[in-house]
């Protein structure tokens, strides 16, 4: 059972990487730059640091308490 779960998780990572690389190549071919992305504009807002801090706390807590 763990073997199938691990295989599925690796397959999902590979699919995610293929999609991410595909989107990146598509944007580079079309000449879209990072300054056009909405993520950059959202990170320039004043409360973005607080949102990032909240996410980091959740991820660290999940990593610490989710061990096998």
N, C-alpha and C. Protein backbone atom coordinates (compact mmCIF):
# COMPACT_ATOMS: atom_id res chain seq x y z
N UNK A 1 0.82 -1.19 0.00
CA UNK A 1 0.00 0.00 0.00
C UNK A 1 0.86 1.26 0.00
N UNK A 2 1.92 1.26 0.81
CA UNK A 2 2.81 2.41 0.86
C UNK A 2 3.57 2.56 -0.46
N UNK A 3 3.86 1.45 -1.10
CA UNK A 3 4.56 1.50 -2.39
C UNK A 3 3.71 2.22 -3.43
N UNK A 4 2.42 1.92 -3.45
CA UNK A 4 1.53 2.57 -4.42
C UNK A 4 1.32 4.04 -4.10
N UNK A 5 1.25 4.37 -2.83
CA UNK A 5 1.10 5.76 -2.43
C UNK A 5 2.33 6.56 -2.81
N UNK A 6 3.51 6.00 -2.58
CA UNK A 6 4.75 6.69 -2.94
C UNK A 6 4.86 6.85 -4.45
N UNK A 7 4.48 5.83 -5.19
CA UNK A 7 4.51 5.91 -6.64
C UNK A 7 3.55 6.98 -7.14
N UNK A 8 2.38 7.05 -6.55
CA UNK A 8 1.41 8.07 -6.93
C UNK A 8 1.92 9.47 -6.62
N UNK A 9 2.55 9.65 -5.47
CA UNK A 9 3.06 10.98 -5.12
C UNK A 9 4.18 11.40 -6.05
N UNK A 10 5.05 10.48 -6.42
CA UNK A 10 6.13 10.81 -7.37
C UNK A 10 5.53 11.14 -8.73
N UNK A 11 4.53 10.39 -9.14
CA UNK A 11 3.88 10.66 -10.43
C UNK A 11 3.22 12.04 -10.43
N UNK A 12 2.60 12.42 -9.33
CA UNK A 12 1.99 13.75 -9.24
C UNK A 12 3.03 14.86 -9.28
N UNK A 13 4.18 14.61 -8.67
CA UNK A 13 5.27 15.60 -8.73
C UNK A 13 5.75 15.75 -10.17
N UNK A 14 5.90 14.65 -10.87
CA UNK A 14 6.35 14.70 -12.26
C UNK A 14 5.32 15.45 -13.12
N UNK A 15 4.04 15.18 -12.91
CA UNK A 15 3.00 15.89 -13.66
C UNK A 15 3.05 17.38 -13.36
N UNK A 16 3.22 17.74 -12.09
CA UNK A 16 3.31 19.14 -11.70
C UNK A 16 4.51 19.81 -12.38
N UNK A 17 5.65 19.14 -12.40
CA UNK A 17 6.84 19.71 -13.04
C UNK A 17 6.64 19.87 -14.54
N UNK A 18 6.01 18.91 -15.18
CA UNK A 18 5.77 19.01 -16.62
C UNK A 18 4.85 20.20 -16.91
N UNK A 19 3.80 20.36 -16.12
CA UNK A 19 2.89 21.50 -16.32
C UNK A 19 3.61 22.82 -16.07
N UNK A 20 4.40 22.89 -15.00
CA UNK A 20 5.12 24.12 -14.68
C UNK A 20 6.12 24.49 -15.76
N UNK A 21 6.88 23.51 -16.23
CA UNK A 21 7.85 23.78 -17.29
C UNK A 21 7.13 24.17 -18.58
N UNK A 22 6.02 23.51 -18.87
CA UNK A 22 5.25 23.86 -20.06
C UNK A 22 4.73 25.28 -20.03
N UNK A 23 4.20 25.70 -18.89
CA UNK A 23 3.71 27.08 -18.76
C UNK A 23 4.86 28.06 -18.88
N UNK A 24 6.00 27.74 -18.27
CA UNK A 24 7.16 28.63 -18.33
C UNK A 24 7.66 28.79 -19.76
N UNK A 25 7.78 27.68 -20.48
CA UNK A 25 8.24 27.74 -21.86
C UNK A 25 7.24 28.52 -22.71
N UNK A 26 5.96 28.30 -22.51
CA UNK A 26 4.93 29.02 -23.25
C UNK A 26 5.03 30.52 -23.01
N UNK A 27 5.22 30.92 -21.76
CA UNK A 27 5.32 32.34 -21.43
C UNK A 27 6.60 32.94 -22.00
N UNK A 28 7.68 32.18 -22.00
CA UNK A 28 8.93 32.70 -22.57
C UNK A 28 8.82 32.86 -24.08
N UNK A 29 8.15 31.94 -24.74
CA UNK A 29 7.98 32.04 -26.19
C UNK A 29 7.10 33.23 -26.55
N UNK A 30 6.06 33.47 -25.76
CA UNK A 30 5.16 34.60 -26.02
C UNK A 30 5.74 35.94 -25.56
N UNK A 31 6.84 35.91 -24.85
CA UNK A 31 7.46 37.15 -24.39
C UNK A 31 6.87 37.71 -23.12
N UNK A 32 6.10 36.93 -22.41
CA UNK A 32 5.54 37.39 -21.14
C UNK A 32 6.63 37.38 -20.09
N UNK A 33 6.75 38.48 -19.36
CA UNK A 33 7.78 38.56 -18.33
C UNK A 33 7.15 38.40 -16.96
N UNK A 34 8.00 38.28 -15.96
CA UNK A 34 7.51 38.15 -14.60
C UNK A 34 6.80 39.40 -14.11
N UNK A 35 7.14 40.55 -14.65
CA UNK A 35 6.49 41.77 -14.20
C UNK A 35 5.02 41.81 -14.62
N UNK A 36 4.65 41.00 -15.60
CA UNK A 36 3.25 40.94 -16.03
C UNK A 36 2.41 40.02 -15.14
N UNK A 37 3.06 39.23 -14.33
CA UNK A 37 2.34 38.26 -13.51
C UNK A 37 1.63 38.95 -12.35
N UNK A 38 0.48 38.42 -11.99
CA UNK A 38 -0.29 39.03 -10.90
C UNK A 38 0.33 38.75 -9.55
N UNK A 39 1.19 37.73 -9.46
CA UNK A 39 1.82 37.41 -8.19
C UNK A 39 2.73 38.55 -7.75
N UNK A 40 3.44 39.14 -8.69
CA UNK A 40 4.34 40.24 -8.36
C UNK A 40 3.56 41.42 -7.80
N UNK A 41 2.43 41.74 -8.40
CA UNK A 41 1.65 42.88 -7.92
C UNK A 41 1.05 42.60 -6.55
N UNK A 42 0.69 41.35 -6.29
CA UNK A 42 0.14 41.03 -4.98
C UNK A 42 1.21 41.06 -3.90
N UNK A 43 2.46 40.73 -4.26
CA UNK A 43 3.53 40.73 -3.27
C UNK A 43 3.99 42.13 -2.92
N UNK A 44 3.64 43.11 -3.71
CA UNK A 44 4.06 44.47 -3.43
C UNK A 44 3.11 45.18 -2.47
N UNK A 45 2.02 44.55 -2.12
CA UNK A 45 1.10 45.16 -1.17
C UNK A 45 1.69 45.10 0.23
N UNK A 46 1.20 45.96 1.10
CA UNK A 46 1.80 46.08 2.43
C UNK A 46 1.53 44.88 3.32
N UNK A 47 0.41 44.21 3.14
CA UNK A 47 0.09 43.09 4.03
C UNK A 47 0.60 41.75 3.50
N UNK A 48 1.35 41.73 2.42
CA UNK A 48 1.81 40.47 1.85
C UNK A 48 2.80 39.77 2.77
N UNK A 49 3.61 40.54 3.52
CA UNK A 49 4.55 39.92 4.45
C UNK A 49 3.81 39.17 5.55
N UNK A 50 2.72 39.75 6.04
CA UNK A 50 1.95 39.08 7.09
C UNK A 50 1.31 37.81 6.56
N UNK A 51 0.83 37.83 5.33
CA UNK A 51 0.26 36.62 4.73
C UNK A 51 1.32 35.55 4.57
N UNK A 52 2.51 35.94 4.14
CA UNK A 52 3.61 34.98 4.00
C UNK A 52 3.98 34.40 5.35
N UNK A 53 4.02 35.23 6.38
CA UNK A 53 4.36 34.76 7.71
C UNK A 53 3.33 33.74 8.20
N UNK A 54 2.07 33.96 7.90
CA UNK A 54 1.02 33.02 8.30
C UNK A 54 1.20 31.68 7.59
N UNK A 55 1.48 31.72 6.31
CA UNK A 55 1.68 30.49 5.55
C UNK A 55 2.89 29.71 6.06
N UNK A 56 3.97 30.41 6.35
CA UNK A 56 5.18 29.74 6.84
C UNK A 56 4.89 29.05 8.17
N UNK A 57 4.14 29.70 9.04
CA UNK A 57 3.81 29.07 10.33
C UNK A 57 3.00 27.80 10.13
N UNK A 58 2.05 27.83 9.22
CA UNK A 58 1.22 26.65 8.97
C UNK A 58 2.07 25.51 8.40
N UNK A 59 2.94 25.83 7.44
CA UNK A 59 3.77 24.79 6.84
C UNK A 59 4.76 24.19 7.84
N UNK A 60 5.37 25.03 8.67
CA UNK A 60 6.32 24.52 9.66
C UNK A 60 5.61 23.65 10.68
N UNK A 61 4.45 24.07 11.13
CA UNK A 61 3.69 23.26 12.08
C UNK A 61 3.29 21.93 11.46
N UNK A 62 2.84 21.94 10.22
CA UNK A 62 2.47 20.69 9.56
C UNK A 62 3.68 19.79 9.38
N UNK A 63 4.83 20.36 9.07
CA UNK A 63 6.04 19.55 8.87
C UNK A 63 6.50 18.94 10.19
N UNK A 64 6.41 19.70 11.27
CA UNK A 64 6.89 19.20 12.56
C UNK A 64 5.99 18.08 13.08
N UNK A 65 4.69 18.24 12.96
CA UNK A 65 3.77 17.28 13.57
C UNK A 65 3.35 16.15 12.63
N UNK A 66 3.79 16.16 11.39
CA UNK A 66 3.42 15.11 10.45
C UNK A 66 4.65 14.27 10.13
N UNK A 67 4.98 13.40 11.02
CA UNK A 67 6.12 12.51 10.79
C UNK A 67 5.62 11.07 10.72
N UNK A 68 6.41 10.22 10.08
CA UNK A 68 6.00 8.81 9.92
C UNK A 68 6.61 7.97 11.02
